[in-house]
Amino acid sequence: MKKLLYLSIGVILTLFLFSCVKNLDFDQVKDFRYKPVVEADLFYFDLIKDDITPPNAGARFVFHDTIGFNFFEQGNTRNGFKKLELSVKYKNSLNRRFLTKYYFATESYQIVDSLTLDIASGTNAHSTEGEKIYTFTKTANPEFTNSRKIIIKTELIPPSIPTDTGRLHVQTKAKFFFDIKDM
């Protein structure tokens, strides 16, 4: 009786073992594509009335910064890049309009791509809030992967100090999409 039980278990295990291996195609590994999505906080800034210096001789910039953007230095990220969705959220409770410009530049500051965000004026009682999503694709601009810096310039429109207290808050997030064939 035990021999019959052991024989039955052996036959069943053998069937399971060979039924699983029979349809495997190890050449499928060559067709594997890795499609990661990477999300990152890029930067944010807060401006209050006291941060804004009086414009002289028509100067309109109230905020200017350059950050390193070394995301495309490696071959896999540069070659596998498909698109970038840049989300810019803002909240303005100052009684002035702002233009915030983003420039994607090479290491030598050559502009590869850019965008402009127009932020309407607000008040302490009724702030202006919003979110804009900008899409950059390798198909539309193959040079985008040469970006190594992001230059941010915020202009005050009109170029005069706000008369109320409040703040301008801008937050930028990025979502990178890739299609990597060879790992």
Foldseek 3Di string as FASTA:
>chain_A
DVVVVVVVVVVVVVCVVCVVPVPDDPVCLLADKDKDKDKDWDDKDKDKLVQADQDDPQDFWSDKDKDWDCQLVDPQCLVFFFKKKKKKKKKAAFQWKKKKKKFFAAPVRDGQDIDIDTAHHHHPVGIGIDMDIDMDGCVVGVCSSRGTMIMMTMGTVPRGRTPHIDMMMMTMMMMTITIGNDD
